[in-house]
Amino acid sequence: MAQDKDKLPSAGRRGEAARRDPGAVDAFLGEAGRLAPAAPSATAGRLIFALDATMSRQPTWDLATHLQAEMFKSASEVRGLAVQLVYFRGFGECRASRWVADARALTDLMARIDCRGGHTQISRVLSHVRSRASEERVRALVYVGDAMEEPLDDLCAQAGELGLLGVKAFMFQEGHNAIAVNAFKEIARLTGGAYAQFDASAPQSLAALLRAAAAYASGGVDALVRLAGKERAVAGLLSQVRPAR
């Protein structure tokens, strides 16, 4: 496998050296490049898991990381499912791992990411997903965040493009920020995906939601239906998801 590091399109090169964390970030990218690459069949599911790692999420970051690790564990039990981890934080920093078949390996990488102050970069995440989906089948985007600080019309246009490519966005919001509620719901609706809220008082709800997204990425709506029969929290997502075109 080539050892080059995946990196999302940058708004500019100036200040790159200052933005780079020589510890955690370089370790993240280095290990991401060494992970065994996924080699799914043409019909296997691919899921992009994106995280807002800006400072507002610091109070519940450890909890969310633990629950997200549960999703990776569940995803690893699904044969042929490939997962890519994307995160943004700080000043223009937005990174992506390679596709991996052993999603549990991403848990260790996540543990090395800490939160940094900065604005949201949802547009760059959506642009990255669109680029990947134009080259290979990506079934789902899972996004976990608590805020939105970008032009909503631009995000909606990008979400509409993802919908045309068959990528459903599962937008999971931490907290109750009203601007984020509106934006996340619109992105989910335009892609035919689903939206849900979670907070620290009900951590298992996020765990169930993440398992549901992994199930959809691997087996489509049928897999969601089967999981909804076992987990009540999944039923709300199932009612939102539109069948693939």
C-alpha atoms as a PDB file:
ATOM      1  CA  MET A   1       0.000   0.000   0.000  1.00  0.00           C
ATOM      2  CA  ALA A   2       1.259   3.469  -0.758  1.00  0.00           C
ATOM      3  CA  GLN A   3       2.361   5.371   2.320  1.00  0.00           C
ATOM      4  CA  ASP A   4       1.195   8.832   1.282  1.00  0.00           C
ATOM      5  CA  LYS A   5      -1.115  10.542   3.772  1.00  0.00           C
ATOM      6  CA  ASP A   6      -4.688  11.386   2.915  1.00  0.00           C
ATOM      7  CA  LYS A   7      -5.426  15.058   3.422  1.00  0.00           C
ATOM      8  CA  LEU A   8      -8.548  17.025   2.678  1.00  0.00           C
ATOM      9  CA  PRO A   9      -8.368  20.005   0.298  1.00  0.00           C
ATOM     10  CA  SER A  10      -6.944  22.982   2.161  1.00  0.00           C
ATOM     11  CA  ALA A  11      -8.072  26.584   1.954  1.00  0.00           C
ATOM     12  CA  GLY A  12      -4.399  27.551   1.748  1.00  0.00           C
ATOM     13  CA  ARG A  13      -0.873  26.350   2.422  1.00  0.00           C
ATOM     14  CA  ARG A  14       0.290  29.369   4.373  1.00  0.00           C
ATOM     15  CA  GLY A  15       0.689  28.640   8.077  1.00  0.00           C
ATOM     16  CA  GLU A  16       0.685  24.869   7.577  1.00  0.00           C
ATOM     17  CA  ALA A  17       3.777  24.395   9.705  1.00  0.00           C
ATOM     18  CA  ALA A  18       2.168  26.316  12.540  1.00  0.00           C
ATOM     19  CA  ARG A  19      -1.036  24.294  12.317  1.00  0.00           C
ATOM     20  CA  ARG A  20       0.671  20.915  12.394  1.00  0.00           C
ATOM     21  CA  ASP A  21       0.832  19.091  15.719  1.00  0.00           C
ATOM     22  CA  PRO A  22       4.158  17.186  15.611  1.00  0.00           C
ATOM     23  CA  GLY A  23       2.849  14.760  18.227  1.00  0.00           C
ATOM     24  CA  ALA A  24      -0.713  13.545  18.055  1.00  0.00           C
ATOM     25  CA  VAL A  25      -1.586  14.614  14.514  1.00  0.00           C
ATOM     26  CA  ASP A  26       1.561  13.247  12.853  1.00  0.00           C
ATOM     27  CA  ALA A  27       1.178  10.039  14.835  1.00  0.00           C
ATOM     28  CA  PHE A  28      -2.440   9.818  13.692  1.00  0.00           C
ATOM     29  CA  LEU A  29      -1.545  10.219  10.042  1.00  0.00           C
ATOM     30  CA  GLY A  30       1.478   7.960  10.260  1.00  0.00           C
ATOM     31  CA  GLU A  31      -0.461   5.104  11.782  1.00  0.00           C
ATOM     32  CA  ALA A  32      -3.426   5.696   9.479  1.00  0.00           C
ATOM     33  CA  GLY A  33      -1.089   5.166   6.552  1.00  0.00           C
ATOM     34  CA  ARG A  34       0.194   1.901   8.001  1.00  0.00           C
ATOM     35  CA  LEU A  35      -3.187   0.390   8.770  1.00  0.00           C
ATOM     36  CA  ALA A  36      -4.175  -2.572   6.645  1.00  0.00           C
ATOM     37  CA  PRO A  37      -6.167  -1.113   3.751  1.00  0.00           C
ATOM     38  CA  ALA A  38      -9.680  -2.269   3.188  1.00  0.00           C
ATOM     39  CA  ALA A  39     -10.254  -4.339   0.081  1.00  0.00           C
ATOM     40  CA  PRO A  40     -14.037  -4.613  -0.095  1.00  0.00           C
ATOM     41  CA  SER A  41     -15.850  -5.941  -3.098  1.00  0.00           C
ATOM     42  CA  ALA A  42     -17.600  -3.585  -5.473  1.00  0.00           C
ATOM     43  CA  THR A  43     -20.853  -4.097  -3.553  1.00  0.00           C
ATOM     44  CA  ALA A  44     -19.438  -3.811  -0.025  1.00  0.00           C
ATOM     45  CA  GLY A  45     -20.412  -0.886   2.164  1.00  0.00           C
ATOM     46  CA  ARG A  46     -18.224   2.133   2.813  1.00  0.00           C
ATOM     47  CA  LEU A  47     -18.821   4.531   5.691  1.00  0.00           C
ATOM     48  CA  ILE A  48     -17.108   7.854   6.359  1.00  0.00           C
ATOM     49  CA  PHE A  49     -17.097   8.801  10.036  1.00  0.00           C
ATOM     50  CA  ALA A  50     -16.545  12.545  10.598  1.00  0.00           C
ATOM     51  CA  LEU A  51     -15.917  14.304  13.895  1.00  0.00           C
ATOM     52  CA  ASP A  52     -16.026  17.901  15.039  1.00  0.00           C
ATOM     53  CA  ALA A  53     -12.993  18.125  17.356  1.00  0.00           C
ATOM     54  CA  THR A  54     -13.249  21.839  18.121  1.00  0.00           C
ATOM     55  CA  MET A  55     -13.008  23.084  21.692  1.00  0.00           C
ATOM     56  CA  SER A  56     -16.761  23.246  22.391  1.00  0.00           C
ATOM     57  CA  ARG A  57     -16.837  19.443  22.451  1.00  0.00           C
ATOM     58  CA  GLN A  58     -14.076  19.110  25.061  1.00  0.00           C
ATOM     59  CA  PRO A  59     -16.369  18.591  28.114  1.00  0.00           C
ATOM     60  CA  THR A  60     -17.853  15.365  26.707  1.00  0.00           C
ATOM     61  CA  TRP A  61     -15.046  14.316  24.353  1.00  0.00           C
ATOM     62  CA  ASP A  62     -13.914  11.308  26.385  1.00  0.00           C
ATOM     63  CA  LEU A  63     -17.458   9.990  26.655  1.00  0.00           C
ATOM     64  CA  ALA A  64     -18.119  10.465  22.959  1.00  0.00           C
ATOM     65  CA  THR A  65     -14.815   8.801  22.065  1.00  0.00           C
ATOM     66  CA  HIS A  66     -15.760   5.752  24.106  1.00  0.00           C
ATOM     67  CA  LEU A  67     -19.159   5.471  22.430  1.00  0.00           C
ATOM     68  CA  GLN A  68     -17.706   6.024  18.980  1.00  0.00           C
ATOM     69  CA  ALA A  69     -15.280   3.202  19.693  1.00  0.00           C
ATOM     70  CA  GLU A  70     -18.307   0.968  20.236  1.00  0.00           C
ATOM     71  CA  MET A  71     -19.495   1.822  16.750  1.00  0.00           C
ATOM     72  CA  PHE A  72     -16.109   0.891  15.321  1.00  0.00           C
ATOM     73  CA  LYS A  73     -16.310  -2.413  17.162  1.00  0.00           C
ATOM     74  CA  SER A  74     -19.760  -3.076  15.721  1.00  0.00           C
ATOM     75  CA  ALA A  75     -18.582  -2.049  12.261  1.00  0.00           C
ATOM     76  CA  SER A  76     -15.673  -4.477  12.482  1.00  0.00           C
ATOM     77  CA  GLU A  77     -18.099  -7.328  12.977  1.00  0.00           C
ATOM     78  CA  VAL A  78     -19.638  -6.586   9.580  1.00  0.00           C
ATOM     79  CA  ARG A  79     -17.749  -8.413   6.872  1.00  0.00           C
ATOM     80  CA  GLY A  80     -16.633  -6.207   3.989  1.00  0.00           C
ATOM     81  CA  LEU A  81     -17.465  -2.844   5.590  1.00  0.00           C
ATOM     82  CA  ALA A  82     -14.762  -0.231   5.053  1.00  0.00           C
ATOM     83  CA  VAL A  83     -14.519   2.806   7.336  1.00  0.00           C
ATOM     84  CA  GLN A  84     -12.654   6.085   6.960  1.00  0.00           C
ATOM     85  CA  LEU A  85     -12.170   8.515   9.857  1.00  0.00           C
ATOM     86  CA  VAL A  86     -12.223  12.282   9.235  1.00  0.00           C
ATOM     87  CA  TYR A  87     -11.849  15.031  11.829  1.00  0.00           C
ATOM     88  CA  PHE A  88     -11.394  18.784  11.942  1.00  0.00           C
ATOM     89  CA  ARG A  89     -10.218  21.196  14.607  1.00  0.00           C
ATOM     90  CA  GLY A  90      -8.080  24.291  15.145  1.00  0.00           C
ATOM     91  CA  PHE A  91      -7.148  26.694  12.356  1.00  0.00           C
ATOM     92  CA  GLY A  92      -7.976  25.007   9.061  1.00  0.00           C
ATOM     93  CA  GLU A  93      -6.931  21.529  10.170  1.00  0.00           C
ATOM     94  CA  CYS A  94      -9.019  18.790   8.550  1.00  0.00           C
ATOM     95  CA  ARG A  95      -7.625  15.270   8.148  1.00  0.00           C
ATOM     96  CA  ALA A  96      -8.680  11.864   6.863  1.00  0.00           C
ATOM     97  CA  SER A  97      -7.391   8.349   7.476  1.00  0.00           C
ATOM     98  CA  ARG A  98      -7.170   5.634   4.843  1.00  0.00           C
ATOM     99  CA  TRP A  99     -10.046   3.243   4.272  1.00  0.00           C
ATOM    100  CA  VAL A 100      -9.648   0.383   6.729  1.00  0.00           C
ATOM    101  CA  ALA A 101     -11.387  -2.953   7.045  1.00  0.00           C
ATOM    102  CA  ASP A 102     -10.454  -3.417  10.709  1.00  0.00           C
ATOM    103  CA  ALA A 103     -12.375  -0.437  12.029  1.00  0.00           C
ATOM    104  CA  ARG A 104     -11.286  -1.206  15.605  1.00  0.00           C
ATOM    105  CA  ALA A 105      -7.845   0.071  14.692  1.00  0.00           C
ATOM    106  CA  LEU A 106      -9.353   3.549  14.387  1.00  0.00           C
ATOM    107  CA  THR A 107     -10.186   3.526  18.092  1.00  0.00           C
ATOM    108  CA  ASP A 108      -6.522   3.901  19.018  1.00  0.00           C
ATOM    109  CA  LEU A 109      -6.132   6.731  16.536  1.00  0.00           C
ATOM    110  CA  MET A 110      -9.149   8.556  17.943  1.00  0.00           C
ATOM    111  CA  ALA A 111      -7.682   8.369  21.436  1.00  0.00           C
ATOM    112  CA  ARG A 112      -4.785  10.544  20.264  1.00  0.00           C
ATOM    113  CA  ILE A 113      -6.968  13.381  19.000  1.00  0.00           C
ATOM    114  CA  ASP A 114      -7.640  16.211  21.427  1.00  0.00           C
ATOM    115  CA  CYS A 115      -9.935  19.164  20.937  1.00  0.00           C
ATOM    116  CA  ARG A 116      -8.601  22.495  19.658  1.00  0.00           C
ATOM    117  CA  GLY A 117     -10.274  25.869  19.310  1.00  0.00           C
ATOM    118  CA  GLY A 118     -11.557  26.749  15.854  1.00  0.00           C
ATOM    119  CA  HIS A 119     -14.591  27.080  13.621  1.00  0.00           C
ATOM    120  CA  THR A 120     -16.582  24.245  12.110  1.00  0.00           C
ATOM    121  CA  GLN A 121     -15.457  22.875   8.729  1.00  0.00           C
ATOM    122  CA  ILE A 122     -18.520  20.895   7.706  1.00  0.00           C
ATOM    123  CA  SER A 123     -18.220  22.143   4.134  1.00  0.00           C
ATOM    124  CA  ARG A 124     -14.783  20.551   3.793  1.00  0.00           C
ATOM    125  CA  VAL A 125     -16.130  17.286   5.177  1.00  0.00           C
ATOM    126  CA  LEU A 126     -19.000  17.249   2.671  1.00  0.00           C
ATOM    127  CA  SER A 127     -16.616  18.129  -0.151  1.00  0.00           C
ATOM    128  CA  HIS A 128     -14.357  15.249   0.834  1.00  0.00           C
ATOM    129  CA  VAL A 129     -17.272  12.804   0.944  1.00  0.00           C
ATOM    130  CA  ARG A 130     -18.449  13.972  -2.485  1.00  0.00           C
ATOM    131  CA  SER A 131     -14.958  13.440  -3.893  1.00  0.00           C
ATOM    132  CA  ARG A 132     -14.721   9.917  -2.486  1.00  0.00           C
ATOM    133  CA  ALA A 133     -18.263   9.021  -3.568  1.00  0.00           C
ATOM    134  CA  SER A 134     -17.505  10.158  -7.114  1.00  0.00           C
ATOM    135  CA  GLU A 135     -14.742   7.544  -7.299  1.00  0.00           C
ATOM    136  CA  GLU A 136     -16.175   4.650  -5.310  1.00  0.00           C
ATOM    137  CA  ARG A 137     -19.456   3.716  -3.685  1.00  0.00           C
ATOM    138  CA  VAL A 138     -19.909   5.384  -0.300  1.00  0.00           C
ATOM    139  CA  ARG A 139     -23.135   4.409   1.380  1.00  0.00           C
ATOM    140  CA  ALA A 140     -23.172   6.641   4.440  1.00  0.00           C
ATOM    141  CA  LEU A 141     -21.644   9.627   6.184  1.00  0.00           C
ATOM    142  CA  VAL A 142     -21.812   9.667   9.969  1.00  0.00           C
ATOM    143  CA  TYR A 143     -21.221  13.134  11.389  1.00  0.00           C
ATOM    144  CA  VAL A 144     -20.951  13.912  15.108  1.00  0.00           C
ATOM    145  CA  GLY A 145     -20.826  17.543  16.183  1.00  0.00           C
ATOM    146  CA  ASP A 146     -22.473  20.259  18.251  1.00  0.00           C
ATOM    147  CA  ALA A 147     -22.348  23.444  16.170  1.00  0.00           C
ATOM    148  CA  MET A 148     -22.514  24.976  12.694  1.00  0.00           C
ATOM    149  CA  GLU A 149     -20.741  28.219  11.787  1.00  0.00           C
ATOM    150  CA  GLU A 150     -20.906  28.206   7.973  1.00  0.00           C
ATOM    151  CA  PRO A 151     -23.301  29.456   5.253  1.00  0.00           C
ATOM    152  CA  LEU A 152     -26.234  27.054   5.374  1.00  0.00           C
ATOM    153  CA  ASP A 153     -27.154  27.477   1.710  1.00  0.00           C
ATOM    154  CA  ASP A 154     -23.691  26.264   0.689  1.00  0.00           C
ATOM    155  CA  LEU A 155     -23.940  23.213   2.936  1.00  0.00           C
ATOM    156  CA  CYS A 156     -27.382  22.401   1.567  1.00  0.00           C
ATOM    157  CA  ALA A 157     -26.105  22.544  -2.006  1.00  0.00           C
ATOM    158  CA  GLN A 158     -23.337  20.103  -1.101  1.00  0.00           C
ATOM    159  CA  ALA A 159     -25.779  17.846   0.725  1.00  0.00           C
ATOM    160  CA  GLY A 160     -27.999  17.751  -2.341  1.00  0.00           C
ATOM    161  CA  GLU A 161     -25.040  16.569  -4.412  1.00  0.00           C
ATOM    162  CA  LEU A 162     -24.371  13.795  -1.906  1.00  0.00           C
ATOM    163  CA  GLY A 163     -27.994  12.740  -2.167  1.00  0.00           C
ATOM    164  CA  LEU A 164     -27.647  12.414  -5.936  1.00  0.00           C
ATOM    165  CA  LEU A 165     -24.578  10.230  -5.401  1.00  0.00           C
ATOM    166  CA  GLY A 166     -26.535   7.951  -3.066  1.00  0.00           C
ATOM    167  CA  VAL A 167     -24.726   8.943   0.146  1.00  0.00           C
ATOM    168  CA  LYS A 168     -27.012   9.250   3.162  1.00  0.00           C
ATOM    169  CA  ALA A 169     -25.867  11.536   5.986  1.00  0.00           C
ATOM    170  CA  PHE A 170     -26.545  10.480   9.552  1.00  0.00           C
ATOM    171  CA  MET A 171     -26.203  13.732  11.474  1.00  0.00           C
ATOM    172  CA  PHE A 172     -25.823  13.228  15.231  1.00  0.00           C
ATOM    173  CA  GLN A 173     -25.908  16.414  17.288  1.00  0.00           C
ATOM    174  CA  GLU A 174     -24.479  16.768  20.770  1.00  0.00           C
ATOM    175  CA  GLY A 175     -26.545  19.281  22.735  1.00  0.00           C
ATOM    176  CA  HIS A 176     -29.315  21.581  21.552  1.00  0.00           C
ATOM    177  CA  ASN A 177     -27.761  24.464  19.598  1.00  0.00           C
ATOM    178  CA  ALA A 178     -30.662  25.791  17.526  1.00  0.00           C
ATOM    179  CA  ILE A 179     -28.558  26.771  14.501  1.00  0.00           C
ATOM    180  CA  ALA A 180     -27.015  23.314  14.386  1.00  0.00           C
ATOM    181  CA  VAL A 181     -30.440  21.683  14.737  1.00  0.00           C
ATOM    182  CA  ASN A 182     -31.695  23.406  11.603  1.00  0.00           C
ATOM    183  CA  ALA A 183     -28.517  22.759   9.606  1.00  0.00           C
ATOM    184  CA  PHE A 184     -28.104  19.119  10.593  1.00  0.00           C
ATOM    185  CA  LYS A 185     -31.751  18.328   9.878  1.00  0.00           C
ATOM    186  CA  GLU A 186     -31.520  19.899   6.431  1.00  0.00           C
ATOM    187  CA  ILE A 187     -28.342  18.032   5.529  1.00  0.00           C
ATOM    188  CA  ALA A 188     -29.920  14.758   6.633  1.00  0.00           C
ATOM    189  CA  ARG A 189     -33.142  15.472   4.746  1.00  0.00           C
ATOM    190  CA  LEU A 190     -31.437  16.440   1.510  1.00  0.00           C
ATOM    191  CA  THR A 191     -29.396  13.231   1.470  1.00  0.00           C
ATOM    192  CA  GLY A 192     -32.292  10.999   2.507  1.00  0.00           C
ATOM    193  CA  GLY A 193     -30.487  10.236   5.759  1.00  0.00           C
ATOM    194  CA  ALA A 194     -31.448  10.866   9.380  1.00  0.00           C
ATOM    195  CA  TYR A 195     -30.907  13.281  12.281  1.00  0.00           C
ATOM    196  CA  ALA A 196     -30.815  12.693  16.031  1.00  0.00           C
ATOM    197  CA  GLN A 197     -29.680  14.461  19.199  1.00  0.00           C
ATOM    198  CA  PHE A 198     -27.749  13.057  22.135  1.00  0.00           C
ATOM    199  CA  ASP A 199     -26.154  14.352  25.320  1.00  0.00           C
ATOM    200  CA  ALA A 200     -24.113  13.122  28.260  1.00  0.00           C
ATOM    201  CA  SER A 201     -27.237  12.274  30.266  1.00  0.00           C
ATOM    202  CA  ALA A 202     -28.166   9.493  27.836  1.00  0.00           C
ATOM    203  CA  PRO A 203     -24.893   8.127  26.431  1.00  0.00           C
ATOM    204  CA  GLN A 204     -26.330   4.832  25.262  1.00  0.00           C
ATOM    205  CA  SER A 205     -28.594   6.633  22.818  1.00  0.00           C
ATOM    206  CA  LEU A 206     -25.531   7.689  20.812  1.00  0.00           C
ATOM    207  CA  ALA A 207     -24.160   4.154  20.945  1.00  0.00           C
ATOM    208  CA  ALA A 208     -27.409   2.832  19.452  1.00  0.00           C
ATOM    209  CA  LEU A 209     -27.484   5.556  16.797  1.00  0.00           C
ATOM    210  CA  LEU A 210     -23.929   4.795  15.734  1.00  0.00           C
ATOM    211  CA  ARG A 211     -24.656   1.085  15.501  1.00  0.00           C
ATOM    212  CA  ALA A 212     -27.652   1.920  13.327  1.00  0.00           C
ATOM    213  CA  ALA A 213     -25.518   3.950  10.918  1.00  0.00           C
ATOM    214  CA  ALA A 214     -22.986   1.129  10.648  1.00  0.00           C
ATOM    215  CA  ALA A 215     -25.811  -1.319   9.999  1.00  0.00           C
ATOM    216  CA  TYR A 216     -27.174   0.843   7.186  1.00  0.00           C
ATOM    217  CA  ALA A 217     -23.749   1.264   5.591  1.00  0.00           C
ATOM    218  CA  SER A 218     -23.287  -2.488   5.486  1.00  0.00           C
ATOM    219  CA  GLY A 219     -26.775  -3.731   4.677  1.00  0.00           C
ATOM    220  CA  GLY A 220     -29.005  -0.824   3.728  1.00  0.00           C
ATOM    221  CA  VAL A 221     -32.547  -0.273   4.985  1.00  0.00           C
ATOM    222  CA  ASP A 222     -33.102  -4.007   5.511  1.00  0.00           C
ATOM    223  CA  ALA A 223     -30.285  -4.059   8.065  1.00  0.00           C
ATOM    224  CA  LEU A 224     -31.815  -1.024   9.805  1.00  0.00           C
ATOM    225  CA  VAL A 225     -35.181  -2.783   9.993  1.00  0.00           C
ATOM    226  CA  ARG A 226     -33.590  -5.806  11.647  1.00  0.00           C
ATOM    227  CA  LEU A 227     -31.740  -3.644  14.166  1.00  0.00           C
ATOM    228  CA  ALA A 228     -34.861  -1.562  14.908  1.00  0.00           C
ATOM    229  CA  GLY A 229     -36.506  -4.749  16.108  1.00  0.00           C
ATOM    230  CA  LYS A 230     -33.863  -5.003  18.816  1.00  0.00           C
ATOM    231  CA  GLU A 231     -33.150  -1.353  19.711  1.00  0.00           C
ATOM    232  CA  ARG A 232     -35.874   1.217  20.262  1.00  0.00           C
ATOM    233  CA  ALA A 233     -33.633   4.208  19.495  1.00  0.00           C
ATOM    234  CA  VAL A 234     -33.144   2.950  15.950  1.00  0.00           C
ATOM    235  CA  ALA A 235     -36.839   3.193  15.075  1.00  0.00           C
ATOM    236  CA  GLY A 236     -36.692   6.995  14.911  1.00  0.00           C
ATOM    237  CA  LEU A 237     -33.860   6.867  12.402  1.00  0.00           C
ATOM    238  CA  LEU A 238     -35.594   4.220  10.323  1.00  0.00           C
ATOM    239  CA  SER A 239     -38.664   6.436   9.927  1.00  0.00           C
ATOM    240  CA  GLN A 240     -36.516   9.204   8.398  1.00  0.00           C
ATOM    241  CA  VAL A 241     -34.337   7.243   5.989  1.00  0.00           C
ATOM    242  CA  ARG A 242     -35.524   7.285   2.373  1.00  0.00           C
ATOM    243  CA  PRO A 243     -34.991   4.165   0.274  1.00  0.00           C
ATOM    244  CA  ALA A 244     -32.068   4.349  -2.129  1.00  0.00           C
ATOM    245  CA  ARG A 245     -32.961   5.453  -5.653  1.00  0.00           C
END
